[in-house]
C-alpha cells in the first residue's frame, strides 16, 4: 500500500475530525484568534520537510527551509516596533508562550537576582514560564479594565528596590485586551532610581497591530521595551501555532 494512502477506517476518522473542526469553528466565540484567513497558496510547502534550524542569521547546512523569508519577517517587526537600526535580533517561534519564555530567559541571564513583576491579568503560560526558569516573582493587581495597577507596582517595587526589576508587560490581555503602558512603567523605575531592569512586552494578542492605533500605545522599543513577543495564531490567524520574538541584539545570548 502506498505511504500516502489511508485505510478506509482512517479516512473516516479524518473526515469525522474535519466535520467536527468545521462545526466548532463556526460556532465558537470568545477566544482571541482570527478565523478570516486563507493559506491555500502555502499548501504545497507542506509536502516538504521544511525546518529553519537555529539562528536565522547564521548559515546552516540544512537547506530545506525559508530562512531568508524568516529574516525579512524579523526585520519587518523590528522596524514596526521601532528597534534601533543596529540593535535587534529575533526569530520565528512556535507561539507567544515561547517568545515570552525567551524574553524572560534573557532577563534572568542579564539579572540573575532579579524579581519578576506581572499583573493578575497576565496569561497563565507566563506563570509556567517563570516556574520553569525558577525566577522569584510577585503578582500585581490590575485596574478595572485589566491594565496593571501602577500604584501597586510602584509600592511593591519600592519594598524590593534592592533587587533588579524584571517586568512582564501585557500588550493585550486575553479578556479585556488591556495594554500596560511601558512609558508609565519606565517613569516608575526612574522615580525609584532602579538602574538594573528589563522589560518584556507580551504582545501575543495586540502587539501585531498596536503600532497602527491612534493614539499609539506605549509598548515598543522606543517606549522602553527590551524584548517583544507576538503570536501568529491570534490576530494573523495562522492555522498552526507560531509567533515572533524580537529582542535588543545587545542583550542577546547565543
Foldseek 3Di string as FASTA:
>chain_A
DDPPDDDPVVVVVVVVVVVVVVVCVVPDDQFQADDPDDPPVCVVLVVDPEDCPDFLVDDDPPDRYDSVVQVVVQVVLCVLQPPPPPWKGKGKFLFLLVLLLQQVVLLCVQFVQAEEEEEPLDDPSNVVSCVVVVHHYDYAYPDPLREGDLVRVLVVCLVVVVGEYEYEWECQGGRRGDGYALLSVVVSCVVSVRPHYAYEYSCQRPSVCLSVDVVRGRGHVVSPHQKYKYWCCGPVNDPGTMIMMMGTNVSDDD
